[in-house]
């Protein structure tokens, strides 16, 4: 069973992923995969970035710097679309290799899950939602200025739309205890779905034999 975890920037997806990991779920973090891609100095994605934007995006280690790339793509939607078209297939490909290697119930954190058009690979989707004022406050505490934060939020699918398209939701407006409580309930729900799916699979296999 593969569960998609999504939500807007600053909504707390990483915190939910960490809690679910502690509850025994195998987790895949798309941001970590992106970090790995950027670290591959001679990788095809990085060569294509340099070909498009020049060596100014490179750090002292000769690798593209995410901050420099962000300065470009979050000011130009066409450049953001190009970057997403470059990275999304790579991220999904690596994530599916990890999932297929284990075949255990897995939660895959994908911020742009619906935007990337990959809903079909997931058995269910969980959306982490946060009130916009709290979301903004978190982004400002990260050191992002208000204009940049507003821009980042506006470039993503509206949070309410993500909620509408998801089967399950976690509201991250409170503290850690509230988040842990909701994750505990989600854990029970998803494990029941997994058990039902396994029972159905066994019945189907028995019927073919």
N, C-alpha and C. Protein backbone atom coordinates (compact mmCIF):
# COMPACT_ATOMS: atom_id res chain seq x y z
N UNK A 1 0.84 -1.19 0.00
CA UNK A 1 0.00 0.00 0.00
C UNK A 1 0.88 1.25 0.00
N UNK A 2 0.61 2.15 -0.93
CA UNK A 2 1.35 3.40 -1.02
C UNK A 2 0.41 4.56 -0.75
N UNK A 3 0.72 5.33 0.28
CA UNK A 3 -0.09 6.48 0.69
C UNK A 3 0.64 7.76 0.32
N UNK A 4 -0.07 8.69 -0.32
CA UNK A 4 0.51 9.98 -0.63
C UNK A 4 0.23 10.97 0.48
N UNK A 5 1.24 11.74 0.84
CA UNK A 5 1.09 12.79 1.85
C UNK A 5 1.37 14.13 1.18
N UNK A 6 0.40 15.04 1.25
CA UNK A 6 0.58 16.32 0.57
C UNK A 6 0.06 17.46 1.43
N UNK A 7 0.20 18.67 0.92
CA UNK A 7 -0.21 19.86 1.66
C UNK A 7 0.63 21.03 1.21
N UNK A 8 0.25 22.21 1.61
CA UNK A 8 0.97 23.41 1.20
C UNK A 8 2.27 23.60 1.95
N UNK A 9 3.10 24.49 1.45
CA UNK A 9 4.35 24.83 2.11
C UNK A 9 4.07 25.37 3.51
N UNK A 10 4.82 24.91 4.49
CA UNK A 10 4.66 25.38 5.86
C UNK A 10 3.51 24.77 6.62
N UNK A 11 2.88 23.72 6.06
CA UNK A 11 1.73 23.11 6.74
C UNK A 11 2.11 22.00 7.72
N UNK A 12 3.34 21.54 7.64
CA UNK A 12 3.77 20.53 8.61
C UNK A 12 3.88 19.11 8.09
N UNK A 13 4.05 18.95 6.79
CA UNK A 13 4.15 17.60 6.22
C UNK A 13 5.32 16.82 6.81
N UNK A 14 6.46 17.49 6.98
CA UNK A 14 7.65 16.81 7.51
C UNK A 14 7.41 16.30 8.93
N UNK A 15 6.68 17.09 9.72
CA UNK A 15 6.38 16.66 11.10
C UNK A 15 5.48 15.44 11.09
N UNK A 16 4.48 15.43 10.21
CA UNK A 16 3.58 14.28 10.10
C UNK A 16 4.36 13.06 9.64
N UNK A 17 5.24 13.23 8.67
CA UNK A 17 6.03 12.12 8.16
C UNK A 17 6.90 11.53 9.27
N UNK A 18 7.48 12.39 10.08
CA UNK A 18 8.34 11.92 11.18
C UNK A 18 7.53 11.13 12.20
N UNK A 19 6.34 11.62 12.53
CA UNK A 19 5.49 10.92 13.50
C UNK A 19 5.06 9.56 12.95
N UNK A 20 4.65 9.52 11.69
CA UNK A 20 4.22 8.27 11.09
C UNK A 20 5.36 7.27 11.01
N UNK A 21 6.57 7.77 10.81
CA UNK A 21 7.75 6.89 10.82
C UNK A 21 7.93 6.26 12.20
N UNK A 22 7.74 7.04 13.25
CA UNK A 22 7.87 6.52 14.61
C UNK A 22 6.78 5.49 14.92
N UNK A 23 5.65 5.61 14.23
CA UNK A 23 4.56 4.66 14.41
C UNK A 23 4.78 3.38 13.62
N UNK A 24 5.88 3.32 12.89
CA UNK A 24 6.23 2.09 12.20
C UNK A 24 6.08 2.10 10.69
N UNK A 25 5.67 3.23 10.12
CA UNK A 25 5.50 3.31 8.68
C UNK A 25 6.83 3.54 7.98
N UNK A 26 7.00 2.90 6.84
CA UNK A 26 8.12 3.24 5.99
C UNK A 26 7.77 4.56 5.31
N UNK A 27 8.71 5.49 5.27
CA UNK A 27 8.43 6.80 4.70
C UNK A 27 9.44 7.16 3.61
N UNK A 28 8.96 7.90 2.63
CA UNK A 28 9.80 8.42 1.57
C UNK A 28 9.59 9.93 1.51
N UNK A 29 10.66 10.68 1.60
CA UNK A 29 10.60 12.14 1.62
C UNK A 29 11.10 12.68 0.28
N UNK A 30 10.21 13.28 -0.49
CA UNK A 30 10.61 13.79 -1.81
C UNK A 30 11.67 14.87 -1.70
N UNK A 31 11.67 15.63 -0.60
CA UNK A 31 12.67 16.68 -0.45
C UNK A 31 14.06 16.09 -0.29
N UNK A 32 14.15 14.96 0.41
CA UNK A 32 15.45 14.30 0.56
C UNK A 32 15.95 13.78 -0.78
N UNK A 33 15.02 13.27 -1.58
CA UNK A 33 15.40 12.80 -2.92
C UNK A 33 15.91 13.98 -3.75
N UNK A 34 15.24 15.13 -3.64
CA UNK A 34 15.69 16.32 -4.36
C UNK A 34 17.09 16.73 -3.91
N UNK A 35 17.34 16.67 -2.61
CA UNK A 35 18.68 17.00 -2.10
C UNK A 35 19.72 16.06 -2.72
N UNK A 36 19.36 14.78 -2.82
CA UNK A 36 20.28 13.81 -3.40
C UNK A 36 20.57 14.13 -4.86
N UNK A 37 19.53 14.54 -5.59
CA UNK A 37 19.70 14.89 -7.00
C UNK A 37 20.64 16.09 -7.15
N UNK A 38 20.42 17.11 -6.32
CA UNK A 38 21.27 18.30 -6.39
C UNK A 38 22.72 17.99 -6.01
N UNK A 39 22.91 16.99 -5.18
CA UNK A 39 24.27 16.65 -4.72
C UNK A 39 25.07 15.91 -5.78
N UNK A 40 24.40 15.42 -6.83
CA UNK A 40 25.08 14.65 -7.88
C UNK A 40 25.64 15.62 -8.92
N UNK A 41 26.85 16.01 -8.72
CA UNK A 41 27.48 17.07 -9.52
C UNK A 41 27.37 16.83 -11.02
N UNK A 42 27.58 15.60 -11.44
CA UNK A 42 27.57 15.29 -12.87
C UNK A 42 26.28 14.61 -13.32
N UNK A 43 25.25 14.68 -12.50
CA UNK A 43 23.98 14.07 -12.86
C UNK A 43 23.30 14.82 -14.00
N UNK A 44 22.48 14.11 -14.76
CA UNK A 44 21.81 14.71 -15.90
C UNK A 44 20.94 15.91 -15.51
N UNK A 45 20.14 15.84 -14.43
CA UNK A 45 19.33 17.01 -14.07
C UNK A 45 20.19 18.26 -13.82
N UNK A 46 21.32 18.07 -13.13
CA UNK A 46 22.17 19.22 -12.83
C UNK A 46 22.83 19.78 -14.08
N UNK A 47 23.22 18.92 -14.99
CA UNK A 47 23.80 19.40 -16.25
C UNK A 47 22.78 20.23 -17.03
N UNK A 48 21.53 19.78 -17.01
CA UNK A 48 20.49 20.51 -17.74
C UNK A 48 20.19 21.86 -17.07
N UNK A 49 20.26 21.91 -15.74
CA UNK A 49 20.06 23.19 -15.05
C UNK A 49 21.15 24.19 -15.45
N UNK A 50 22.39 23.73 -15.47
CA UNK A 50 23.50 24.61 -15.83
C UNK A 50 23.37 25.06 -17.29
N UNK A 51 22.97 24.15 -18.15
CA UNK A 51 22.78 24.51 -19.56
C UNK A 51 21.71 25.59 -19.72
N UNK A 52 20.71 25.56 -18.85
CA UNK A 52 19.60 26.51 -18.97
C UNK A 52 19.90 27.84 -18.28
N UNK A 53 20.53 27.77 -17.10
CA UNK A 53 20.68 28.98 -16.28
C UNK A 53 22.12 29.46 -16.11
N UNK A 54 23.06 28.68 -16.58
CA UNK A 54 24.45 29.11 -16.48
C UNK A 54 25.12 28.71 -15.17
N UNK A 55 26.40 28.99 -15.08
CA UNK A 55 27.20 28.57 -13.93
C UNK A 55 26.97 29.43 -12.69
N UNK A 56 26.21 30.51 -12.83
CA UNK A 56 25.95 31.36 -11.65
C UNK A 56 25.17 30.62 -10.58
N UNK A 57 24.49 29.54 -10.94
CA UNK A 57 23.71 28.80 -9.95
C UNK A 57 24.58 27.83 -9.15
N UNK A 58 25.85 27.67 -9.56
CA UNK A 58 26.72 26.71 -8.91
C UNK A 58 27.37 27.28 -7.65
N UNK A 59 27.53 26.42 -6.65
CA UNK A 59 28.25 26.80 -5.45
C UNK A 59 29.73 26.51 -5.60
N UNK A 60 30.46 26.70 -4.52
CA UNK A 60 31.90 26.46 -4.56
C UNK A 60 32.23 25.00 -4.83
N UNK A 61 31.29 24.11 -4.50
CA UNK A 61 31.53 22.69 -4.73
C UNK A 61 31.18 22.26 -6.15
N UNK A 62 30.74 23.21 -6.98
CA UNK A 62 30.41 22.89 -8.36
C UNK A 62 29.04 22.30 -8.56
N UNK A 63 28.22 22.31 -7.51
CA UNK A 63 26.87 21.77 -7.60
C UNK A 63 25.85 22.90 -7.58
N UNK A 64 24.71 22.71 -8.27
CA UNK A 64 23.66 23.74 -8.23
C UNK A 64 23.18 23.99 -6.80
N UNK A 65 23.02 25.23 -6.45
CA UNK A 65 22.55 25.61 -5.12
C UNK A 65 21.05 25.85 -5.17
N UNK A 66 20.31 25.17 -4.28
CA UNK A 66 18.85 25.25 -4.32
C UNK A 66 18.36 26.68 -4.11
N UNK A 67 19.06 27.43 -3.30
CA UNK A 67 18.64 28.82 -3.06
C UNK A 67 18.75 29.64 -4.34
N UNK A 68 19.84 29.43 -5.09
CA UNK A 68 20.03 30.16 -6.34
C UNK A 68 18.98 29.76 -7.37
N UNK A 69 18.67 28.47 -7.42
CA UNK A 69 17.64 28.00 -8.35
C UNK A 69 16.28 28.58 -7.95
N UNK A 70 16.00 28.60 -6.64
CA UNK A 70 14.72 29.14 -6.16
C UNK A 70 14.55 30.60 -6.54
N UNK A 71 15.65 31.36 -6.50
CA UNK A 71 15.60 32.77 -6.87
C UNK A 71 15.12 32.95 -8.31
N UNK A 72 15.43 31.97 -9.16
CA UNK A 72 15.03 32.04 -10.56
C UNK A 72 13.59 31.58 -10.75
N UNK A 73 13.29 30.38 -10.23
CA UNK A 73 12.01 29.75 -10.59
C UNK A 73 10.81 30.37 -9.89
N UNK A 74 11.01 30.94 -8.71
CA UNK A 74 9.85 31.51 -8.01
C UNK A 74 9.56 32.94 -8.44
N UNK A 75 10.32 33.41 -9.43
CA UNK A 75 10.03 34.71 -10.04
C UNK A 75 9.48 34.55 -11.45
N UNK A 76 9.49 33.31 -11.97
CA UNK A 76 9.07 33.07 -13.34
C UNK A 76 8.39 31.71 -13.41
N UNK A 77 7.08 31.71 -13.61
CA UNK A 77 6.32 30.47 -13.59
C UNK A 77 6.76 29.50 -14.68
N UNK A 78 7.18 30.01 -15.82
CA UNK A 78 7.63 29.13 -16.89
C UNK A 78 8.89 28.38 -16.49
N UNK A 79 9.77 29.06 -15.77
CA UNK A 79 10.99 28.40 -15.30
C UNK A 79 10.66 27.37 -14.22
N UNK A 80 9.67 27.68 -13.40
CA UNK A 80 9.24 26.72 -12.38
C UNK A 80 8.64 25.48 -13.03
N UNK A 81 7.84 25.68 -14.04
CA UNK A 81 7.26 24.55 -14.77
C UNK A 81 8.35 23.69 -15.40
N UNK A 82 9.36 24.35 -15.94
CA UNK A 82 10.46 23.60 -16.55
C UNK A 82 11.19 22.77 -15.51
N UNK A 83 11.47 23.38 -14.35
CA UNK A 83 12.18 22.66 -13.28
C UNK A 83 11.36 21.48 -12.79
N UNK A 84 10.06 21.69 -12.61
CA UNK A 84 9.20 20.60 -12.16
C UNK A 84 9.16 19.46 -13.17
N UNK A 85 9.13 19.81 -14.46
CA UNK A 85 9.11 18.79 -15.50
C UNK A 85 10.41 18.00 -15.52
N UNK A 86 11.48 18.63 -15.06
CA UNK A 86 12.79 17.96 -14.98
C UNK A 86 12.90 17.06 -13.76
N UNK A 87 12.47 17.58 -12.61
CA UNK A 87 12.69 16.88 -11.35
C UNK A 87 11.61 15.85 -11.00
N UNK A 88 10.35 16.14 -11.32
CA UNK A 88 9.28 15.24 -10.91
C UNK A 88 9.47 13.80 -11.39
N UNK A 89 9.76 13.57 -12.67
CA UNK A 89 9.95 12.18 -13.11
C UNK A 89 11.09 11.49 -12.37
N UNK A 90 12.16 12.24 -12.10
CA UNK A 90 13.31 11.67 -11.39
C UNK A 90 12.95 11.32 -9.95
N UNK A 91 12.24 12.23 -9.29
CA UNK A 91 11.85 11.99 -7.90
C UNK A 91 10.90 10.80 -7.80
N UNK A 92 9.88 10.77 -8.66
CA UNK A 92 8.93 9.67 -8.63
C UNK A 92 9.62 8.35 -8.98
N UNK A 93 10.51 8.38 -9.95
CA UNK A 93 11.20 7.15 -10.34
C UNK A 93 12.01 6.57 -9.20
N UNK A 94 12.75 7.41 -8.50
CA UNK A 94 13.57 6.94 -7.38
C UNK A 94 12.70 6.48 -6.22
N UNK A 95 11.61 7.20 -5.99
CA UNK A 95 10.71 6.83 -4.90
C UNK A 95 10.07 5.46 -5.16
N UNK A 96 9.66 5.22 -6.38
CA UNK A 96 9.03 3.94 -6.70
C UNK A 96 10.03 2.80 -6.61
N UNK A 97 11.29 3.05 -6.91
CA UNK A 97 12.32 2.02 -6.73
C UNK A 97 12.44 1.63 -5.25
N UNK A 98 12.41 2.65 -4.38
CA UNK A 98 12.47 2.40 -2.94
C UNK A 98 11.25 1.60 -2.49
N UNK A 99 10.09 2.00 -2.95
CA UNK A 99 8.85 1.33 -2.55
C UNK A 99 8.81 -0.11 -3.03
N UNK A 100 9.13 -0.33 -4.28
CA UNK A 100 9.07 -1.68 -4.83
C UNK A 100 10.08 -2.61 -4.20
N UNK A 101 11.20 -2.05 -3.72
CA UNK A 101 12.23 -2.88 -3.10
C UNK A 101 11.77 -3.44 -1.75
N UNK A 102 10.85 -2.74 -1.09
CA UNK A 102 10.40 -3.18 0.23
C UNK A 102 9.00 -3.78 0.22
N UNK A 103 8.12 -3.19 -0.57
CA UNK A 103 6.72 -3.63 -0.67
C UNK A 103 6.05 -3.68 0.71
N UNK A 104 6.43 -2.77 1.57
CA UNK A 104 5.76 -2.63 2.86
C UNK A 104 4.89 -1.38 2.80
N UNK A 105 3.88 -1.26 3.66
CA UNK A 105 3.05 -0.04 3.67
C UNK A 105 3.93 1.20 3.80
N UNK A 106 3.77 2.13 2.88
CA UNK A 106 4.68 3.26 2.76
C UNK A 106 3.91 4.57 2.60
N UNK A 107 4.46 5.62 3.22
CA UNK A 107 3.91 6.97 3.05
C UNK A 107 4.94 7.80 2.32
N UNK A 108 4.52 8.39 1.21
CA UNK A 108 5.40 9.17 0.34
C UNK A 108 4.97 10.63 0.40
N UNK A 109 5.85 11.48 0.91
CA UNK A 109 5.57 12.91 1.06
C UNK A 109 5.82 13.62 -0.27
N UNK A 110 4.74 14.13 -0.89
CA UNK A 110 4.86 14.81 -2.19
C UNK A 110 4.10 16.14 -2.12
N UNK A 111 4.79 17.27 -1.94
CA UNK A 111 4.10 18.56 -1.85
C UNK A 111 3.19 18.86 -3.04
N UNK A 112 3.67 18.54 -4.26
CA UNK A 112 2.91 18.85 -5.47
C UNK A 112 2.27 17.59 -6.06
N UNK A 113 1.69 16.78 -5.21
CA UNK A 113 1.13 15.50 -5.64
C UNK A 113 0.06 15.69 -6.72
N UNK A 114 -0.91 16.51 -6.45
CA UNK A 114 -2.00 16.70 -7.43
C UNK A 114 -1.51 17.50 -8.64
N UNK A 115 -0.66 18.48 -8.39
CA UNK A 115 -0.15 19.29 -9.49
C UNK A 115 0.66 18.46 -10.49
N UNK A 116 1.32 17.42 -9.99
CA UNK A 116 2.16 16.60 -10.86
C UNK A 116 1.38 15.55 -11.63
N UNK A 117 0.08 15.42 -11.32
CA UNK A 117 -0.75 14.46 -12.05
C UNK A 117 -0.49 13.01 -11.73
N UNK A 118 0.03 12.72 -10.54
CA UNK A 118 0.40 11.35 -10.18
C UNK A 118 -0.55 10.72 -9.16
N UNK A 119 -1.73 11.27 -9.02
CA UNK A 119 -2.67 10.73 -8.02
C UNK A 119 -2.90 9.23 -8.20
N UNK A 120 -2.88 8.74 -9.43
CA UNK A 120 -3.24 7.37 -9.72
C UNK A 120 -2.32 6.31 -9.13
N UNK A 121 -1.11 6.67 -8.75
CA UNK A 121 -0.20 5.66 -8.21
C UNK A 121 -0.43 5.39 -6.73
N UNK A 122 -1.26 6.21 -6.08
CA UNK A 122 -1.46 6.10 -4.64
C UNK A 122 -2.78 5.39 -4.31
N UNK A 123 -2.74 4.61 -3.25
CA UNK A 123 -3.96 3.95 -2.78
C UNK A 123 -4.88 4.94 -2.05
N UNK A 124 -4.30 5.94 -1.45
CA UNK A 124 -5.07 7.00 -0.77
C UNK A 124 -4.14 8.19 -0.57
N UNK A 125 -4.74 9.35 -0.36
CA UNK A 125 -3.96 10.57 -0.15
C UNK A 125 -4.38 11.23 1.16
N UNK A 126 -3.38 11.68 1.91
CA UNK A 126 -3.59 12.42 3.15
C UNK A 126 -3.14 13.85 2.93
N UNK A 127 -3.98 14.81 3.24
CA UNK A 127 -3.63 16.22 3.11
C UNK A 127 -3.41 16.83 4.49
N UNK A 128 -2.28 17.50 4.67
CA UNK A 128 -2.01 18.24 5.90
C UNK A 128 -2.40 19.70 5.65
N UNK A 129 -3.35 20.17 6.43
CA UNK A 129 -3.90 21.52 6.22
C UNK A 129 -3.59 22.40 7.42
N UNK A 130 -3.32 23.67 7.15
CA UNK A 130 -3.06 24.67 8.19
C UNK A 130 -3.74 25.97 7.82
N UNK A 131 -4.30 26.64 8.80
CA UNK A 131 -4.87 27.96 8.57
C UNK A 131 -3.81 28.88 7.96
N UNK A 132 -4.21 29.69 6.99
CA UNK A 132 -3.22 30.47 6.25
C UNK A 132 -2.43 31.42 7.14
N UNK A 133 -3.04 31.97 8.17
CA UNK A 133 -2.31 32.89 9.04
C UNK A 133 -1.20 32.16 9.79
N UNK A 134 -1.48 30.92 10.21
CA UNK A 134 -0.46 30.11 10.89
C UNK A 134 0.62 29.69 9.89
N UNK A 135 0.17 29.30 8.70
CA UNK A 135 1.11 28.92 7.64
C UNK A 135 2.08 30.07 7.35
N UNK A 136 1.53 31.27 7.22
CA UNK A 136 2.36 32.44 6.94
C UNK A 136 3.34 32.70 8.07
N UNK A 137 2.87 32.57 9.30
CA UNK A 137 3.73 32.81 10.46
C UNK A 137 4.91 31.83 10.46
N UNK A 138 4.65 30.59 10.12
CA UNK A 138 5.73 29.59 10.07
C UNK A 138 6.76 29.94 9.00
N UNK A 139 6.29 30.40 7.85
CA UNK A 139 7.21 30.75 6.77
C UNK A 139 8.05 31.96 7.14
N UNK A 140 7.45 32.93 7.81
CA UNK A 140 8.19 34.11 8.24
C UNK A 140 9.25 33.73 9.28
N UNK A 141 8.93 32.78 10.14
CA UNK A 141 9.90 32.33 11.15
C UNK A 141 11.06 31.57 10.51
N UNK A 142 10.84 31.04 9.31
CA UNK A 142 11.93 30.38 8.58
C UNK A 142 12.89 31.39 7.96
N UNK A 143 12.52 32.67 8.02
CA UNK A 143 13.37 33.70 7.44
C UNK A 143 12.91 34.18 6.08
N UNK A 144 11.75 33.70 5.63
CA UNK A 144 11.21 34.12 4.33
C UNK A 144 10.45 35.43 4.51
N UNK A 145 10.64 36.37 3.59
CA UNK A 145 9.88 37.61 3.71
C UNK A 145 8.44 37.38 3.24
N UNK A 146 7.53 38.27 3.64
CA UNK A 146 6.11 38.06 3.39
C UNK A 146 5.78 37.95 1.90
N UNK A 147 6.41 38.80 1.09
CA UNK A 147 6.13 38.78 -0.34
C UNK A 147 6.53 37.44 -0.96
N UNK A 148 7.69 36.94 -0.56
CA UNK A 148 8.16 35.65 -1.08
C UNK A 148 7.26 34.52 -0.62
N UNK A 149 6.83 34.59 0.65
CA UNK A 149 5.94 33.56 1.18
C UNK A 149 4.60 33.55 0.45
N UNK A 150 4.05 34.72 0.22
CA UNK A 150 2.79 34.83 -0.52
C UNK A 150 2.95 34.26 -1.93
N UNK A 151 4.09 34.54 -2.54
CA UNK A 151 4.35 34.05 -3.89
C UNK A 151 4.41 32.53 -3.90
N UNK A 152 5.11 31.95 -2.94
CA UNK A 152 5.23 30.49 -2.88
C UNK A 152 3.86 29.84 -2.71
N UNK A 153 3.06 30.40 -1.82
CA UNK A 153 1.73 29.85 -1.56
C UNK A 153 0.86 29.95 -2.81
N UNK A 154 0.94 31.09 -3.50
CA UNK A 154 0.08 31.31 -4.67
C UNK A 154 0.42 30.38 -5.83
N UNK A 155 1.64 29.89 -5.88
CA UNK A 155 2.07 29.02 -6.97
C UNK A 155 1.63 27.57 -6.78
N UNK A 156 1.10 27.26 -5.60
CA UNK A 156 0.61 25.92 -5.34
C UNK A 156 -0.91 25.86 -5.44
N UNK A 157 -1.43 24.67 -5.62
CA UNK A 157 -2.88 24.48 -5.63
C UNK A 157 -3.45 24.96 -4.30
N UNK A 158 -4.58 25.66 -4.28
CA UNK A 158 -5.17 26.11 -3.03
C UNK A 158 -5.35 24.98 -2.03
N UNK A 159 -5.08 25.26 -0.77
CA UNK A 159 -5.14 24.23 0.26
C UNK A 159 -6.51 23.57 0.33
N UNK A 160 -7.56 24.37 0.16
CA UNK A 160 -8.92 23.83 0.24
C UNK A 160 -9.18 22.83 -0.89
N UNK A 161 -8.59 23.07 -2.05
CA UNK A 161 -8.75 22.16 -3.18
C UNK A 161 -8.03 20.84 -2.91
N UNK A 162 -6.85 20.93 -2.29
CA UNK A 162 -6.12 19.71 -1.94
C UNK A 162 -6.91 18.88 -0.93
N UNK A 163 -7.55 19.56 0.00
CA UNK A 163 -8.39 18.86 0.97
C UNK A 163 -9.53 18.14 0.28
N UNK A 164 -10.14 18.83 -0.65
CA UNK A 164 -11.28 18.28 -1.37
C UNK A 164 -10.90 17.03 -2.15
N UNK A 165 -9.70 16.99 -2.68
CA UNK A 165 -9.26 15.88 -3.51
C UNK A 165 -8.66 14.72 -2.71
N UNK A 166 -8.44 14.93 -1.42
CA UNK A 166 -7.80 13.90 -0.58
C UNK A 166 -8.83 13.08 0.19
N UNK A 167 -8.46 11.84 0.49
CA UNK A 167 -9.35 10.96 1.26
C UNK A 167 -9.27 11.21 2.76
N UNK A 168 -8.12 11.69 3.22
CA UNK A 168 -7.91 11.88 4.65
C UNK A 168 -7.25 13.24 4.89
N UNK A 169 -7.49 13.81 6.07
CA UNK A 169 -6.95 15.14 6.38
C UNK A 169 -6.41 15.19 7.79
N UNK A 170 -5.36 15.97 7.96
CA UNK A 170 -4.81 16.30 9.26
C UNK A 170 -4.77 17.82 9.36
N UNK A 171 -5.36 18.36 10.41
CA UNK A 171 -5.39 19.80 10.62
C UNK A 171 -4.27 20.17 11.59
N UNK A 172 -3.30 20.90 11.10
CA UNK A 172 -2.12 21.21 11.91
C UNK A 172 -2.14 22.67 12.36
N UNK A 173 -3.14 22.99 13.18
CA UNK A 173 -3.24 24.34 13.73
C UNK A 173 -2.80 24.41 15.19
N UNK A 174 -2.64 23.25 15.81
CA UNK A 174 -2.29 23.21 17.23
C UNK A 174 -0.85 22.81 17.45
N UNK A 175 -0.61 22.25 18.63
CA UNK A 175 0.74 21.86 18.99
C UNK A 175 1.05 20.43 18.59
N UNK A 176 2.18 19.94 19.09
CA UNK A 176 2.66 18.60 18.75
C UNK A 176 1.72 17.52 19.25
N UNK A 177 1.13 17.71 20.43
CA UNK A 177 0.25 16.68 20.99
C UNK A 177 -0.98 16.47 20.11
N UNK A 178 -1.52 17.54 19.58
CA UNK A 178 -2.66 17.43 18.68
C UNK A 178 -2.28 16.70 17.40
N UNK A 179 -1.10 17.01 16.89
CA UNK A 179 -0.62 16.37 15.67
C UNK A 179 -0.40 14.88 15.90
N UNK A 180 0.17 14.54 17.04
CA UNK A 180 0.42 13.13 17.37
C UNK A 180 -0.89 12.36 17.53
N UNK A 181 -1.87 13.01 18.14
CA UNK A 181 -3.17 12.36 18.32
C UNK A 181 -3.82 12.06 16.97
N UNK A 182 -3.79 13.03 16.07
CA UNK A 182 -4.39 12.84 14.75
C UNK A 182 -3.63 11.78 13.95
N UNK A 183 -2.31 11.77 14.08
CA UNK A 183 -1.51 10.76 13.38
C UNK A 183 -1.80 9.36 13.91
N UNK A 184 -2.05 9.26 15.21
CA UNK A 184 -2.40 7.97 15.79
C UNK A 184 -3.71 7.44 15.22
N UNK A 185 -4.69 8.33 15.07
CA UNK A 185 -5.96 7.94 14.48
C UNK A 185 -5.79 7.57 13.01
N UNK A 186 -4.98 8.35 12.31
CA UNK A 186 -4.72 8.05 10.90
C UNK A 186 -4.03 6.71 10.75
N UNK A 187 -3.11 6.43 11.62
CA UNK A 187 -2.41 5.13 11.61
C UNK A 187 -3.40 3.98 11.68
N UNK A 188 -4.35 4.07 12.60
CA UNK A 188 -5.36 3.01 12.75
C UNK A 188 -6.22 2.87 11.50
N UNK A 189 -6.61 3.99 10.92
CA UNK A 189 -7.45 3.96 9.72
C UNK A 189 -6.71 3.32 8.55
N UNK A 190 -5.47 3.74 8.35
CA UNK A 190 -4.70 3.23 7.22
C UNK A 190 -4.35 1.75 7.38
N UNK A 191 -4.08 1.32 8.60
CA UNK A 191 -3.78 -0.09 8.82
C UNK A 191 -5.00 -0.97 8.57
N UNK A 192 -6.18 -0.45 8.89
CA UNK A 192 -7.41 -1.19 8.57
C UNK A 192 -7.60 -1.31 7.07
N UNK A 193 -7.33 -0.22 6.36
CA UNK A 193 -7.42 -0.26 4.89
C UNK A 193 -6.44 -1.25 4.31
N UNK A 194 -5.24 -1.28 4.88
CA UNK A 194 -4.21 -2.22 4.41
C UNK A 194 -4.65 -3.66 4.66
N UNK A 195 -5.20 -3.91 5.84
CA UNK A 195 -5.67 -5.26 6.18
C UNK A 195 -6.79 -5.70 5.25
N UNK A 196 -7.72 -4.79 4.97
CA UNK A 196 -8.82 -5.10 4.06
C UNK A 196 -8.29 -5.41 2.66
N UNK A 197 -7.31 -4.63 2.23
CA UNK A 197 -6.74 -4.84 0.91
C UNK A 197 -6.02 -6.18 0.81
N UNK A 198 -5.32 -6.55 1.87
CA UNK A 198 -4.62 -7.84 1.89
C UNK A 198 -5.60 -9.00 1.87
N UNK A 199 -6.68 -8.86 2.63
CA UNK A 199 -7.70 -9.92 2.64
C UNK A 199 -8.34 -10.07 1.26
N UNK A 200 -8.60 -8.96 0.60
CA UNK A 200 -9.18 -9.00 -0.75
C UNK A 200 -8.20 -9.64 -1.74
N UNK A 201 -6.93 -9.30 -1.59
CA UNK A 201 -5.92 -9.87 -2.48
C UNK A 201 -5.84 -11.39 -2.31
N UNK A 202 -5.89 -11.85 -1.07
CA UNK A 202 -5.82 -13.29 -0.81
C UNK A 202 -7.04 -14.01 -1.36
N UNK A 203 -8.23 -13.39 -1.22
CA UNK A 203 -9.42 -14.00 -1.77
C UNK A 203 -9.34 -14.12 -3.29
N UNK A 204 -8.80 -13.07 -3.91
CA UNK A 204 -8.67 -13.10 -5.37
C UNK A 204 -7.69 -14.17 -5.82
N UNK A 205 -6.58 -14.29 -5.09
CA UNK A 205 -5.59 -15.31 -5.42
C UNK A 205 -6.16 -16.72 -5.21
N UNK A 206 -6.95 -16.87 -4.16
CA UNK A 206 -7.56 -18.17 -3.88
C UNK A 206 -8.56 -18.55 -4.97
N UNK A 207 -9.27 -17.55 -5.48
CA UNK A 207 -10.25 -17.80 -6.52
C UNK A 207 -9.64 -18.19 -7.84
N UNK A 208 -8.38 -17.77 -8.08
CA UNK A 208 -7.71 -18.11 -9.32
C UNK A 208 -7.06 -19.48 -9.27
N UNK A 209 -6.87 -19.99 -8.05
CA UNK A 209 -6.22 -21.29 -7.90
C UNK A 209 -7.21 -22.45 -7.94
